[in-house]
Amino acid sequence: MKLITYSDKVNKKIKVIPSKSIIIRVLAAIFLSEKRSRVLNRTYCDDELSAIKLLRDLGTDLKTENIIQFNAFGETYSKKIDFGESGFLTRTFSLILSSFHSDFLLTGQKTLKNRRFEDLIKTLKKLEVDVKSSNCKLPFEIKGPLKKKNISLDCSKTSQILSGLLMLFAKLKKNSYIEAKNPVSKPYIDLTIDVLKDFGVEIENDKYNRFYVKGSQDFEKIDYFIEGDWSAASFWAVLAALKGKIVMKNLNIDSKQGDKIILDILKEAGADVSVREDKVAVEKNSLNSFDFDATDYPDLIPALTVLGLNCEGKSKISGINRLINKESNRLRSILEEFKKLGAGLEVDGDTLIVKKSRLHSGIVKSHNDHRIAMALAVAAKNINGGIKLQDWMSVNKSYPGFFAELESL
């Protein structure tokens, strides 16, 4: 259990951690390239470490110090693949592995074993991959290779399966297409396409309805520098809007990361926001309520809940059904833990209504969800007496240095 105390005022410069979403995509792209590329900076988060272990189990020779150096790609590999706690690794690499002339036992750890993967299993079966699963949860078995090269896909719950298919299809010999129905999290689709483009892979995006992928594409060898993580930065930006001023470095204002939209939300709510090259400054001001559709930005909802609790009036965050099958049932976790602290929260259909609330101290838990932990920690900085947070180490999934940074404020 960690005690997180109230802060009277914040004035801090922070170098934002490299993007977890980008680094996992880059590692997958280098694996597909089978070329000796390098990743020039690291997050050291659990999902990155899980990806590295996975790649080694698949026969990849990696040197991992301050950079990640790909040295060789082996012919022998383990047939038991562990995705750690990463939903993205599960969805993308299950599809990539379906191209192998082999069978695999796929498994995971902790919260990942509680998550259901019906859409993934349905997609694998559409590709005519043999799948053995009793309850749509890990572990399950697959046997490739896939036989079908074109597919129609329901993308209303996640974009991660589409990302995996885009990577997979770029390595197939023949041209293929994906028909995407009701796609959500479009910025994450853009991010996957952008990373693949950096490796010389061409994807034709027809208004997010169809994606055309040329076969036998040659992935280029590159050294890749990972830009800062806008999802992680959103917590610092909200904290600054509540408590003072934070200047964040290592952020790309032209990034394909959708969560950079946090700056627009903060401006709407009344915070002072300024941008200069790779530095973004957010400063406290009078805060008013805001309305935001988070359908394409589900990872922002925990931070936006904290923001709304400190804005005059009622703020509305729609698209909350995207939260149900995350590391926890993230919607239930937000309601349960913030209400312990006196938060005025209501659910109206697909919308979370957030009332300005004077929170009080208490004991809360993260439900082993990194974004819930960070949201509660940011909220604590504006609570007299602070909070005691259980399961605080869950932040290691995406941001192992989060609490060291928070405590240095």
Protein backbone atom coordinates (compact mmCIF):
# COMPACT_ATOMS: atom_id res chain seq x y z
CA MET A 1 0.00 0.00 0.00
CA LYS A 2 1.31 3.45 -0.92
CA LEU A 3 0.46 6.76 0.76
CA ILE A 4 0.01 9.55 -1.76
CA THR A 5 -0.14 12.98 -0.15
CA TYR A 6 -1.71 16.32 -0.97
CA SER A 7 0.40 18.89 -2.84
CA ASP A 8 -0.16 22.60 -2.34
CA LYS A 9 1.33 23.55 -5.70
CA VAL A 10 3.14 21.88 -8.59
CA ASN A 11 5.86 23.40 -10.76
CA LYS A 12 7.81 20.77 -12.66
CA LYS A 13 9.56 19.83 -15.90
CA ILE A 14 9.03 16.23 -17.00
CA LYS A 15 10.56 14.19 -19.81
CA VAL A 16 7.64 12.05 -20.93
CA ILE A 17 8.29 8.31 -21.19
CA PRO A 18 8.48 6.83 -24.73
CA SER A 19 5.17 5.64 -26.16
CA LYS A 20 4.22 2.10 -25.18
CA SER A 21 1.80 1.88 -28.10
CA ILE A 22 4.49 2.78 -30.61
CA ILE A 23 7.32 0.66 -29.21
CA ILE A 24 5.22 -2.54 -29.25
CA ARG A 25 4.26 -1.88 -32.89
CA VAL A 26 7.87 -1.16 -33.80
CA LEU A 27 9.11 -4.38 -32.17
CA ALA A 28 6.50 -6.34 -34.12
CA ALA A 29 7.48 -4.62 -37.37
CA ILE A 30 11.19 -5.38 -36.87
CA PHE A 31 10.33 -9.02 -36.13
CA LEU A 32 8.38 -9.20 -39.40
CA SER A 33 11.21 -7.46 -41.28
CA GLU A 34 13.83 -10.03 -40.17
CA LYS A 35 16.42 -7.24 -40.44
CA ARG A 36 18.95 -6.00 -37.91
CA SER A 37 17.23 -2.79 -36.86
CA ARG A 38 17.52 -0.97 -33.53
CA VAL A 39 15.11 0.73 -31.15
CA LEU A 40 17.03 3.70 -29.80
CA ASN A 41 15.14 4.37 -26.56
CA ARG A 42 13.05 2.31 -24.17
CA THR A 43 10.18 2.38 -21.70
CA TYR A 44 11.28 -0.57 -19.53
CA CYS A 45 7.57 -1.16 -18.86
CA ASP A 46 6.09 -4.62 -18.34
CA ASP A 47 4.44 -4.74 -21.77
CA GLU A 48 7.76 -3.94 -23.47
CA LEU A 49 9.50 -6.63 -21.41
CA SER A 50 6.75 -9.12 -22.34
CA ALA A 51 7.24 -8.28 -26.01
CA ILE A 52 11.01 -8.83 -25.73
CA LYS A 53 10.52 -12.19 -24.00
CA LEU A 54 7.98 -13.20 -26.66
CA LEU A 55 10.40 -12.30 -29.48
CA ARG A 56 13.19 -14.28 -27.83
CA ASP A 57 10.85 -17.26 -27.46
CA LEU A 58 10.24 -16.96 -31.21
CA GLY A 59 13.97 -17.34 -31.87
CA THR A 60 15.01 -13.69 -32.10
CA ASP A 61 18.49 -12.78 -30.84
CA LEU A 62 18.13 -9.44 -29.02
CA LYS A 63 20.58 -7.29 -27.13
CA THR A 64 18.72 -5.13 -24.61
CA GLU A 65 20.53 -2.40 -22.74
CA ASN A 66 19.80 1.28 -23.33
CA ILE A 67 18.80 0.34 -26.87
CA ILE A 68 17.16 -2.80 -28.29
CA GLN A 69 19.39 -4.34 -30.96
CA PHE A 70 18.01 -7.10 -33.22
CA ASN A 71 20.94 -9.35 -34.15
CA ALA A 72 19.44 -12.50 -35.70
CA PHE A 73 16.15 -14.24 -36.39
CA GLY A 74 16.15 -17.95 -35.61
CA GLU A 75 14.53 -20.92 -37.30
CA THR A 76 13.70 -22.64 -34.01
CA TYR A 77 11.17 -21.31 -31.56
CA SER A 78 9.07 -22.20 -28.54
CA LYS A 79 5.57 -23.48 -29.16
CA LYS A 80 4.32 -21.99 -25.88
CA ILE A 81 3.95 -18.21 -26.13
CA ASP A 82 3.27 -16.03 -23.08
CA PHE A 83 1.79 -12.56 -23.72
CA GLY A 84 2.28 -11.34 -20.14
CA GLU A 85 -0.58 -8.95 -19.40
CA SER A 86 -0.71 -7.33 -22.83
CA GLY A 87 -3.99 -7.41 -24.72
CA PHE A 88 -2.31 -5.81 -27.73
CA LEU A 89 0.38 -8.51 -27.90
CA THR A 90 -2.31 -11.17 -27.59
CA ARG A 91 -4.40 -9.86 -30.45
CA THR A 92 -1.58 -8.94 -32.83
CA PHE A 93 0.81 -11.84 -32.33
CA SER A 94 -1.93 -14.49 -32.28
CA LEU A 95 -2.65 -13.32 -35.82
CA ILE A 96 1.00 -13.04 -36.86
CA LEU A 97 1.66 -16.57 -35.55
CA SER A 98 -1.26 -17.90 -37.59
CA SER A 99 0.99 -17.57 -40.66
CA PHE A 100 3.43 -20.16 -39.24
CA HIS A 101 3.25 -23.80 -40.33
CA SER A 102 3.05 -24.76 -36.68
CA ASP A 103 0.87 -25.09 -33.63
CA PHE A 104 1.14 -22.84 -30.57
CA LEU A 105 -0.18 -22.81 -27.04
CA LEU A 106 -0.96 -19.17 -26.24
CA THR A 107 -1.16 -17.98 -22.65
CA GLY A 108 -0.84 -14.90 -20.44
CA GLN A 109 -0.53 -13.67 -16.88
CA LYS A 110 -2.74 -12.23 -14.13
CA THR A 111 -5.48 -9.89 -15.41
CA LEU A 112 -5.02 -11.03 -19.03
CA LYS A 113 -6.34 -14.48 -18.13
CA ASN A 114 -9.62 -12.88 -17.04
CA ARG A 115 -10.20 -11.10 -20.35
CA ARG A 116 -12.36 -12.58 -23.08
CA PHE A 117 -11.11 -12.81 -26.67
CA GLU A 118 -14.23 -13.86 -28.59
CA ASP A 119 -13.55 -11.42 -31.44
CA LEU A 120 -9.96 -12.62 -31.82
CA ILE A 121 -10.95 -16.30 -31.88
CA LYS A 122 -13.75 -15.56 -34.34
CA THR A 123 -11.24 -13.76 -36.60
CA LEU A 124 -8.76 -16.65 -36.46
CA LYS A 125 -11.51 -19.06 -37.43
CA LYS A 126 -12.53 -16.81 -40.33
CA LEU A 127 -8.93 -17.06 -41.53
CA GLU A 128 -9.39 -20.86 -41.37
CA VAL A 129 -6.87 -21.26 -38.58
CA ASP A 130 -7.47 -24.23 -36.28
CA VAL A 131 -8.35 -22.92 -32.79
CA LYS A 132 -8.96 -24.87 -29.59
CA SER A 133 -10.58 -22.78 -26.85
CA SER A 134 -13.06 -23.73 -24.16
CA ASN A 135 -14.16 -20.31 -22.90
CA CYS A 136 -12.62 -17.64 -25.18
CA LYS A 137 -10.00 -16.92 -22.53
CA LEU A 138 -6.30 -17.68 -22.41
CA PRO A 139 -4.81 -20.22 -22.65
CA PHE A 140 -5.91 -21.46 -26.08
CA GLU A 141 -4.24 -23.30 -28.96
CA ILE A 142 -3.86 -22.34 -32.61
CA LYS A 143 -2.50 -24.21 -35.61
CA GLY A 144 -1.53 -22.51 -38.85
CA PRO A 145 -1.05 -21.59 -41.51
CA LEU A 146 -4.08 -19.47 -42.27
CA LYS A 147 -5.83 -20.30 -45.52
CA LYS A 148 -8.03 -17.27 -46.13
CA LYS A 149 -6.44 -13.97 -47.18
CA ASN A 150 -9.40 -11.52 -47.27
CA ILE A 151 -11.70 -10.87 -44.36
CA SER A 152 -14.69 -8.89 -43.11
CA LEU A 153 -14.21 -7.74 -39.53
CA ASP A 154 -16.40 -6.20 -36.82
CA CYS A 155 -14.21 -3.45 -35.33
CA SER A 156 -16.80 -1.97 -32.95
CA LYS A 157 -15.06 -3.19 -29.77
CA THR A 158 -11.35 -2.89 -30.51
CA SER A 159 -8.97 -1.78 -33.25
CA GLN A 160 -6.20 -4.12 -32.10
CA ILE A 161 -7.31 -7.08 -34.23
CA LEU A 162 -7.28 -4.83 -37.29
CA SER A 163 -3.75 -3.71 -36.38
CA GLY A 164 -2.64 -7.33 -36.18
CA LEU A 165 -4.20 -8.13 -39.55
CA LEU A 166 -2.48 -5.18 -41.22
CA MET A 167 0.88 -6.44 -39.94
CA LEU A 168 0.13 -10.04 -40.88
CA PHE A 169 -1.17 -9.33 -44.38
CA ALA A 170 1.88 -7.22 -45.27
CA LYS A 171 3.99 -10.39 -45.00
CA LEU A 172 1.73 -12.64 -47.10
CA LYS A 173 2.69 -13.36 -50.70
CA LYS A 174 -0.59 -12.27 -52.29
CA ASN A 175 -2.55 -9.03 -52.12
CA SER A 176 -5.34 -8.92 -49.55
CA TYR A 177 -7.98 -6.65 -48.09
CA ILE A 178 -9.83 -6.13 -44.82
CA GLU A 179 -13.42 -4.91 -44.72
CA ALA A 180 -13.81 -3.06 -41.40
CA LYS A 181 -17.27 -2.58 -39.92
CA ASN A 182 -17.93 0.14 -37.31
CA PRO A 183 -14.26 0.85 -36.55
CA VAL A 184 -13.37 2.48 -33.22
CA SER A 185 -10.08 3.91 -31.93
CA LYS A 186 -9.24 5.20 -35.40
CA PRO A 187 -6.12 7.03 -34.14
CA TYR A 188 -4.67 3.65 -33.11
CA ILE A 189 -5.35 2.33 -36.62
CA ASP A 190 -3.53 5.38 -37.98
CA LEU A 191 -0.66 4.70 -35.59
CA THR A 192 -0.23 1.14 -36.87
CA ILE A 193 -0.33 2.29 -40.50
CA ASP A 194 2.15 5.09 -39.72
CA VAL A 195 4.64 2.72 -38.07
CA LEU A 196 4.37 0.28 -40.99
CA LYS A 197 4.87 3.18 -43.40
CA ASP A 198 8.10 4.06 -41.57
CA PHE A 199 9.28 0.54 -42.44
CA GLY A 200 8.38 1.02 -46.10
CA VAL A 201 5.08 -0.88 -45.98
CA GLU A 202 2.17 0.45 -48.03
CA ILE A 203 -1.41 0.27 -46.72
CA GLU A 204 -4.32 1.82 -48.60
CA ASN A 205 -6.99 3.10 -46.17
CA ASP A 206 -10.33 3.64 -47.91
CA LYS A 207 -12.19 5.81 -45.38
CA TYR A 208 -11.67 3.19 -42.63
CA ASN A 209 -14.14 0.91 -44.44
CA ARG A 210 -11.61 -1.10 -46.43
CA PHE A 211 -7.87 -1.56 -46.12
CA TYR A 212 -5.87 -2.86 -49.07
CA VAL A 213 -2.52 -4.52 -48.38
CA LYS A 214 -0.02 -5.48 -51.07
CA GLY A 215 1.58 -8.88 -50.67
CA SER A 216 5.29 -9.71 -50.38
CA GLN A 217 6.20 -6.27 -49.06
CA ASP A 218 9.82 -5.71 -48.12
CA PHE A 219 10.17 -4.16 -44.66
CA GLU A 220 13.09 -1.74 -44.52
CA LYS A 221 15.90 -1.79 -41.97
CA ILE A 222 15.78 1.34 -39.80
CA ASP A 223 16.86 2.68 -36.42
CA TYR A 224 13.75 3.90 -34.61
CA PHE A 225 13.49 6.63 -31.97
CA ILE A 226 10.27 6.36 -29.95
CA GLU A 227 8.45 9.64 -29.34
CA GLY A 228 6.84 10.49 -26.00
CA ASP A 229 3.63 8.82 -24.82
CA TRP A 230 0.58 11.10 -25.01
CA SER A 231 -1.50 8.67 -22.94
CA ALA A 232 1.01 8.94 -20.09
CA ALA A 233 1.31 12.71 -20.61
CA SER A 234 -2.45 13.11 -20.11
CA PHE A 235 -2.07 12.42 -16.37
CA TRP A 236 0.62 15.09 -15.99
CA ALA A 237 -1.43 17.51 -18.06
CA VAL A 238 -4.49 17.05 -15.84
CA LEU A 239 -2.39 17.36 -12.68
CA ALA A 240 -0.96 20.64 -13.99
CA ALA A 241 -4.45 21.97 -14.73
CA LEU A 242 -5.41 21.30 -11.10
CA LYS A 243 -2.27 22.22 -9.18
CA GLY A 244 0.10 24.61 -10.96
CA LYS A 245 2.33 24.18 -13.99
CA ILE A 246 4.08 21.27 -15.70
CA VAL A 247 6.27 21.49 -18.80
CA MET A 248 6.42 18.17 -20.66
CA LYS A 249 9.30 17.34 -23.02
CA ASN A 250 9.72 14.63 -25.67
CA LEU A 251 6.22 15.07 -27.11
CA ASN A 252 5.48 15.23 -30.84
CA ILE A 253 2.63 17.68 -31.46
CA ASP A 254 2.20 16.18 -34.96
CA SER A 255 2.00 12.65 -33.59
CA LYS A 256 -0.48 10.08 -34.87
CA GLN A 257 -1.21 9.25 -31.22
CA GLY A 258 -4.83 10.20 -30.74
CA ASP A 259 -4.48 10.99 -27.05
CA LYS A 260 -2.78 14.28 -27.87
CA ILE A 261 -6.39 15.51 -28.04
CA ILE A 262 -6.08 15.94 -24.27
CA LEU A 263 -4.72 19.43 -25.03
CA ASP A 264 -7.95 20.41 -26.81
CA ILE A 265 -10.03 19.11 -23.92
CA LEU A 266 -7.97 21.06 -21.39
CA LYS A 267 -8.32 24.23 -23.46
CA GLU A 268 -12.09 23.73 -23.59
CA ALA A 269 -12.13 23.28 -19.82
CA GLY A 270 -10.18 26.55 -19.36
CA ALA A 271 -6.62 25.44 -18.62
CA ASP A 272 -3.71 27.40 -20.09
CA VAL A 273 -1.91 25.33 -22.74
CA SER A 274 1.14 26.36 -24.78
CA VAL A 275 3.28 24.42 -27.26
CA ARG A 276 6.85 25.12 -28.34
CA GLU A 277 8.68 22.54 -30.47
CA ASP A 278 8.66 19.29 -28.45
CA LYS A 279 7.65 21.02 -25.19
CA VAL A 280 4.08 21.34 -23.96
CA ALA A 281 3.21 23.49 -20.95
CA VAL A 282 -0.08 23.18 -19.05
CA GLU A 283 -0.95 25.63 -16.30
CA LYS A 284 -3.77 25.94 -13.79
CA ASN A 285 -6.71 28.24 -14.45
CA SER A 286 -10.42 28.36 -13.61
CA LEU A 287 -11.92 25.12 -14.92
CA ASN A 288 -15.35 24.74 -16.49
CA SER A 289 -17.26 21.59 -17.43
CA PHE A 290 -16.60 19.86 -20.75
CA ASP A 291 -18.29 17.30 -23.01
CA PHE A 292 -16.16 14.73 -24.82
CA ASP A 293 -16.80 11.63 -26.92
CA ALA A 294 -14.08 9.18 -25.88
CA THR A 295 -15.08 6.37 -28.27
CA ASP A 296 -11.75 6.70 -30.10
CA TYR A 297 -9.78 7.62 -26.96
CA PRO A 298 -10.72 5.14 -24.18
CA ASP A 299 -7.35 5.42 -22.41
CA LEU A 300 -8.09 9.07 -21.61
CA ILE A 301 -11.22 8.36 -19.59
CA PRO A 302 -9.54 7.78 -16.18
CA ALA A 303 -7.60 11.06 -16.43
CA LEU A 304 -10.68 12.91 -17.75
CA THR A 305 -12.68 11.65 -14.77
CA VAL A 306 -10.20 13.38 -12.45
CA LEU A 307 -10.40 16.53 -14.55
CA GLY A 308 -14.20 16.53 -14.47
CA LEU A 309 -14.28 16.15 -10.70
CA ASN A 310 -12.44 19.48 -10.49
CA CYS A 311 -14.46 21.41 -13.10
CA GLU A 312 -17.44 23.61 -12.28
CA GLY A 313 -20.79 22.02 -13.14
CA LYS A 314 -21.25 18.65 -14.82
CA SER A 315 -18.91 17.19 -17.40
CA LYS A 316 -20.01 14.41 -19.76
CA ILE A 317 -17.72 11.69 -21.13
CA SER A 318 -19.39 9.41 -23.69
CA GLY A 319 -18.11 6.18 -25.22
CA ILE A 320 -17.61 4.55 -21.82
CA ASN A 321 -18.69 1.09 -22.99
CA ARG A 322 -15.15 0.81 -24.42
CA LEU A 323 -13.91 0.38 -20.82
CA ILE A 324 -15.49 -2.95 -19.95
CA ASN A 325 -12.85 -5.43 -21.23
CA LYS A 326 -9.66 -3.62 -20.25
CA GLU A 327 -7.09 -4.63 -17.58
CA SER A 328 -10.04 -4.41 -15.22
CA ASN A 329 -13.67 -3.61 -15.92
CA ARG A 330 -12.38 -0.06 -16.03
CA LEU A 331 -15.78 1.59 -15.81
CA ARG A 332 -16.71 -0.38 -12.70
CA SER A 333 -13.28 0.35 -11.19
CA ILE A 334 -13.65 4.11 -11.77
CA LEU A 335 -17.12 4.19 -10.21
CA GLU A 336 -16.22 2.00 -7.26
CA GLU A 337 -12.93 3.62 -6.26
CA PHE A 338 -13.73 7.29 -6.87
CA LYS A 339 -17.08 6.99 -5.08
CA LYS A 340 -15.15 5.76 -2.02
CA LEU A 341 -13.55 9.23 -2.05
CA GLY A 342 -16.85 11.08 -2.40
CA ALA A 343 -16.96 11.51 -6.19
CA GLY A 344 -20.21 12.53 -7.83
CA LEU A 345 -20.39 10.08 -10.72
CA GLU A 346 -23.43 8.82 -12.65
CA VAL A 347 -23.84 6.58 -15.67
CA ASP A 348 -26.46 7.43 -18.26
CA GLY A 349 -26.35 4.83 -21.02
CA ASP A 350 -22.96 5.17 -22.72
CA THR A 351 -22.10 8.41 -20.88
CA LEU A 352 -20.32 9.09 -17.61
CA ILE A 353 -21.60 12.24 -15.89
CA VAL A 354 -18.95 13.79 -13.64
CA LYS A 355 -19.94 16.41 -11.06
CA LYS A 356 -17.50 18.74 -9.38
CA SER A 357 -16.73 17.08 -6.05
CA ARG A 358 -14.65 17.80 -3.00
CA LEU A 359 -12.96 14.46 -2.49
CA HIS A 360 -11.90 13.15 0.91
CA SER A 361 -9.11 10.81 1.94
CA GLY A 362 -9.56 7.06 1.95
CA ILE A 363 -8.17 3.65 1.05
CA VAL A 364 -8.60 2.68 -2.60
CA LYS A 365 -7.25 0.04 -4.98
CA SER A 366 -6.19 0.00 -8.61
CA HIS A 367 -7.79 -3.36 -9.49
CA ASN A 368 -4.34 -4.11 -10.97
CA ASP A 369 -5.07 -1.53 -13.67
CA HIS A 370 -2.24 0.89 -14.43
CA ARG A 371 -4.48 3.73 -15.63
CA ILE A 372 -6.77 3.48 -12.60
CA ALA A 373 -3.70 3.67 -10.35
CA MET A 374 -2.37 6.78 -12.09
CA ALA A 375 -5.77 8.48 -12.09
CA LEU A 376 -6.25 7.91 -8.35
CA ALA A 377 -2.70 9.13 -7.67
CA VAL A 378 -3.30 12.37 -9.59
CA ALA A 379 -6.61 12.89 -7.78
CA ALA A 380 -4.84 12.39 -4.43
CA LYS A 381 -2.67 15.44 -5.04
CA ASN A 382 -5.79 17.57 -4.58
CA ILE A 383 -7.19 15.71 -1.54
CA ASN A 384 -6.44 16.91 1.99
CA GLY A 385 -4.97 13.91 3.77
CA GLY A 386 -4.22 12.17 0.47
CA ILE A 387 -5.07 8.52 -0.13
CA LYS A 388 -3.70 5.05 0.52
CA LEU A 389 -3.47 3.09 -2.72
CA GLN A 390 -3.40 -0.69 -2.93
CA ASP A 391 -1.94 -2.51 -5.97
CA TRP A 392 0.04 0.59 -6.88
CA MET A 393 2.72 -1.44 -8.65
CA SER A 394 0.25 -1.98 -11.51
CA VAL A 395 1.71 1.18 -13.08
CA ASN A 396 4.68 -0.95 -14.17
CA LYS A 397 2.57 -2.20 -17.07
CA SER A 398 3.08 1.11 -18.90
CA TYR A 399 5.02 3.56 -16.68
CA PRO A 400 7.37 2.04 -14.09
CA GLY A 401 8.81 5.43 -13.12
CA PHE A 402 5.44 7.10 -12.54
CA PHE A 403 5.50 7.24 -8.75
CA ALA A 404 9.15 8.29 -8.56
CA GLU A 405 8.24 11.20 -10.86
CA LEU A 406 5.11 12.01 -8.85
CA GLU A 407 6.98 12.00 -5.55
CA SER A 408 9.60 14.39 -6.94
CA LEU A 409 7.01 17.12 -7.52
